[in-house]
Amino acid sequence: MANTFKINFDDVYDINTTSCEMRSASFDTELADGGKKKLMVEISDQAHELMPNVYNLAFGPLKANGKIDDKAQIKHRDYSKAFSTILLHARAYLANNPGHYLGIDGSNNSRAMLYYKIILDNFEYLSNYFNIGAVKYYVRITRLGKHQYENPFDFQDIKPDAVRITRDSPRYPEYLYNYFIFTNKQIAYQH
């Protein structure tokens, strides 16, 4: 995997928007071995039940059941181009849906850290288009519900309020954020 990702909306794969509401799209990413793999980008049709106007954005190849495999390990030929394509679709969706926010879940710690690193490494560029925030363990708690509390649970390890990511955000924050929230630059960040 590449160490540095450079987001560039002028260097993306061709996107096939598969719904008029822009809730789903696909593109073919080039693989390190020279092959291609179709990736889907899907935006939920329901806002998050505890965060109004936040719609989850998922991406990855499709599993046999037709659902996105957001835990797939893919060896992209150009990681920057793949992530730029996903974020370009997010930008187009937000332009068509003023007032909406998009949330991206870092499904495990390594993905959460990767997403945070990509945001920080590209902050100057991304901040021209998005306001960006983050939440620590928000999705994990709501996904697992009260069963999460049956295990020893470190309540000190939660930061349930969204914080705005800025150019001064720490490289290694006290809390490892795992849910990242994007909105258009023109919309005031309210979380």
Protein backbone atom coordinates (compact mmCIF):
# COMPACT_ATOMS: atom_id res chain seq x y z
CA MET A 1 0.00 0.00 0.00
CA ALA A 2 1.24 3.49 -0.79
CA ASN A 3 2.51 5.55 2.12
CA THR A 4 1.19 8.87 0.88
CA PHE A 5 -2.13 9.54 -0.80
CA LYS A 6 -2.61 12.67 -2.87
CA ILE A 7 -6.26 13.55 -3.41
CA ASN A 8 -6.80 15.20 -6.77
CA PHE A 9 -10.27 15.61 -8.29
CA ASP A 10 -8.68 16.07 -11.72
CA ASP A 11 -7.15 12.56 -11.63
CA VAL A 12 -10.02 10.12 -11.11
CA TYR A 13 -11.51 7.04 -12.71
CA ASP A 14 -14.64 7.35 -14.84
CA ILE A 15 -17.64 7.19 -12.52
CA ASN A 16 -20.88 5.51 -13.53
CA THR A 17 -23.65 7.04 -11.43
CA THR A 18 -26.22 4.29 -11.10
CA SER A 19 -29.07 6.25 -9.50
CA CYS A 20 -30.60 9.61 -10.30
CA GLU A 21 -30.40 10.58 -6.60
CA MET A 22 -26.62 9.92 -6.79
CA ARG A 23 -26.92 7.38 -3.95
CA SER A 24 -24.91 4.78 -5.84
CA ALA A 25 -22.10 4.81 -8.33
CA SER A 26 -19.42 2.47 -9.59
CA PHE A 27 -16.02 2.66 -11.16
CA ASP A 28 -13.32 0.24 -12.25
CA THR A 29 -10.12 0.55 -10.26
CA GLU A 30 -6.83 -0.71 -11.65
CA LEU A 31 -5.17 -3.35 -9.49
CA ALA A 32 -1.47 -3.70 -8.73
CA ASP A 33 -1.40 -6.96 -10.73
CA GLY A 34 -2.72 -5.18 -13.86
CA GLY A 35 -6.30 -6.37 -13.53
CA LYS A 36 -9.40 -4.31 -12.82
CA LYS A 37 -12.03 -4.52 -10.10
CA LYS A 38 -15.41 -2.82 -9.98
CA LEU A 39 -15.93 -0.76 -6.84
CA MET A 40 -19.29 0.51 -5.67
CA VAL A 41 -19.95 3.71 -3.77
CA GLU A 42 -23.28 3.74 -1.92
CA ILE A 43 -24.89 6.42 0.19
CA SER A 44 -27.59 5.31 2.59
CA ASP A 45 -31.13 6.47 1.92
CA GLN A 46 -31.84 6.97 5.64
CA ALA A 47 -30.12 9.53 7.83
CA HIS A 48 -28.27 8.21 10.84
CA GLU A 49 -30.83 7.72 13.61
CA LEU A 50 -28.82 9.75 16.15
CA MET A 51 -27.22 12.31 13.81
CA PRO A 52 -29.76 14.16 11.67
CA ASN A 53 -28.76 14.78 8.06
CA VAL A 54 -25.75 12.41 8.24
CA TYR A 55 -25.89 9.71 5.57
CA ASN A 56 -23.41 6.87 5.59
CA LEU A 57 -21.11 6.47 2.57
CA ALA A 58 -19.80 2.95 1.97
CA PHE A 59 -17.42 1.79 -0.74
CA GLY A 60 -15.81 -1.42 -1.90
CA PRO A 61 -16.41 -4.39 -4.18
CA LEU A 62 -19.70 -6.26 -4.06
CA LYS A 63 -19.98 -9.54 -2.17
CA ALA A 64 -21.95 -12.46 -3.63
CA ASN A 65 -25.07 -11.25 -1.76
CA GLY A 66 -24.91 -7.86 -3.55
CA LYS A 67 -23.77 -5.93 -0.45
CA ILE A 68 -20.61 -3.83 -0.37
CA ASP A 69 -17.61 -5.53 1.21
CA ASP A 70 -16.18 -2.54 3.07
CA LYS A 71 -13.56 -4.75 4.71
CA ALA A 72 -12.06 -6.03 1.44
CA GLN A 73 -8.29 -5.90 1.10
CA ILE A 74 -7.59 -4.47 -2.36
CA LYS A 75 -4.15 -3.83 -3.84
CA HIS A 76 -4.81 -0.75 -5.97
CA ARG A 77 -2.36 0.29 -8.62
CA ASP A 78 -3.09 3.92 -7.68
CA TYR A 79 -4.59 4.39 -4.21
CA SER A 80 -4.71 8.16 -4.65
CA LYS A 81 -6.83 7.86 -7.79
CA ALA A 82 -9.23 5.38 -6.13
CA PHE A 83 -9.78 7.55 -3.04
CA SER A 84 -10.00 10.71 -5.18
CA THR A 85 -12.77 9.06 -7.21
CA ILE A 86 -14.74 8.13 -4.07
CA LEU A 87 -14.41 11.63 -2.62
CA LEU A 88 -15.30 13.25 -5.96
CA HIS A 89 -18.57 11.30 -5.92
CA ALA A 90 -19.13 12.43 -2.32
CA ARG A 91 -18.56 16.02 -3.42
CA ALA A 92 -21.07 15.69 -6.28
CA TYR A 93 -23.65 14.10 -3.96
CA LEU A 94 -23.27 16.90 -1.41
CA ALA A 95 -23.59 19.54 -4.15
CA ASN A 96 -26.91 17.95 -5.16
CA ASN A 97 -28.08 17.56 -1.55
CA PRO A 98 -27.44 20.83 0.31
CA GLY A 99 -27.66 20.41 4.06
CA HIS A 100 -26.68 16.73 3.97
CA TYR A 101 -23.57 15.37 5.61
CA LEU A 102 -21.75 12.19 4.60
CA GLY A 103 -20.23 9.85 7.17
CA ILE A 104 -17.43 7.38 6.45
CA ASP A 105 -16.86 4.58 8.96
CA GLY A 106 -13.35 3.37 9.68
CA SER A 107 -14.50 -0.21 10.26
CA ASN A 108 -11.37 -1.12 12.24
CA ASN A 109 -8.52 0.79 13.86
CA SER A 110 -6.13 0.48 10.93
CA ARG A 111 -8.73 1.81 8.47
CA ALA A 112 -9.73 4.58 10.86
CA MET A 113 -6.09 5.66 11.17
CA LEU A 114 -5.63 5.43 7.39
CA TYR A 115 -8.67 7.66 6.74
CA TYR A 116 -7.54 10.17 9.37
CA LYS A 117 -4.03 10.22 7.85
CA ILE A 118 -5.44 10.77 4.34
CA ILE A 119 -7.56 13.67 5.62
CA LEU A 120 -4.63 15.31 7.43
CA ASP A 121 -2.17 14.76 4.57
CA ASN A 122 -4.64 16.34 2.13
CA PHE A 123 -6.22 18.87 4.47
CA GLU A 124 -5.26 21.98 2.46
CA TYR A 125 -6.79 20.50 -0.69
CA LEU A 126 -9.88 18.93 0.91
CA SER A 127 -10.68 22.01 2.97
CA ASN A 128 -11.32 23.89 -0.29
CA TYR A 129 -14.34 21.62 -0.83
CA PHE A 130 -15.40 20.20 2.53
CA ASN A 131 -15.83 20.91 6.19
CA ILE A 132 -14.64 17.74 7.92
CA GLY A 133 -15.39 16.39 11.37
CA ALA A 134 -14.78 13.20 13.28
CA VAL A 135 -16.33 11.14 16.07
CA LYS A 136 -14.71 8.54 18.32
CA TYR A 137 -16.54 5.18 18.68
CA TYR A 138 -19.89 6.70 17.76
CA VAL A 139 -20.72 4.08 15.14
CA ARG A 140 -19.27 1.21 17.13
CA ILE A 141 -21.66 1.85 20.02
CA THR A 142 -24.74 2.30 17.86
CA ARG A 143 -23.87 -0.69 15.69
CA LEU A 144 -23.50 -3.12 18.60
CA GLY A 145 -26.11 -1.59 20.90
CA LYS A 146 -26.36 -2.57 24.53
CA HIS A 147 -24.39 -5.80 23.94
CA GLN A 148 -21.30 -3.59 23.85
CA TYR A 149 -21.85 -2.79 27.54
CA GLU A 150 -21.82 -6.46 28.60
CA ASN A 151 -18.07 -6.66 28.04
CA PRO A 152 -15.70 -4.54 30.08
CA PHE A 153 -16.12 -1.23 28.31
CA ASP A 154 -13.80 1.73 28.76
CA PHE A 155 -16.16 4.70 28.88
CA GLN A 156 -13.13 7.00 29.11
CA ASP A 157 -12.27 5.88 25.57
CA ILE A 158 -15.32 7.58 24.03
CA LYS A 159 -15.66 11.05 22.60
CA PRO A 160 -19.29 11.06 21.47
CA ASP A 161 -19.39 14.64 20.18
CA ALA A 162 -18.17 15.39 16.68
CA VAL A 163 -15.09 17.59 16.50
CA ARG A 164 -14.05 19.65 13.52
CA ILE A 165 -10.82 18.58 11.86
CA THR A 166 -8.56 21.54 11.11
CA ARG A 167 -5.04 22.09 9.85
CA ASP A 168 -3.98 22.10 13.51
CA SER A 169 -5.56 18.74 14.38
CA PRO A 170 -2.99 16.47 16.05
CA ARG A 171 -1.38 13.73 13.96
CA TYR A 172 -1.92 11.29 16.82
CA PRO A 173 -5.03 12.46 18.69
CA GLU A 174 -5.84 11.38 22.22
CA TYR A 175 -8.88 9.60 20.76
CA LEU A 176 -8.61 7.56 17.57
CA TYR A 177 -11.57 8.84 15.58
CA ASN A 178 -13.36 6.19 13.57
CA TYR A 179 -16.25 8.03 11.89
CA PHE A 180 -15.52 10.95 9.59
CA ILE A 181 -18.18 13.45 8.58
CA PHE A 182 -18.01 15.59 5.43
CA THR A 183 -20.22 18.45 4.30
CA ASN A 184 -19.89 21.01 1.52
CA LYS A 185 -17.69 23.96 2.32
CA GLN A 186 -20.70 26.26 1.76
CA ILE A 187 -22.67 24.58 4.57
CA ALA A 188 -21.81 25.56 8.13
CA TYR A 189 -20.47 22.64 10.16
CA GLN A 190 -22.99 22.14 12.97
CA HIS A 191 -21.96 18.95 14.78
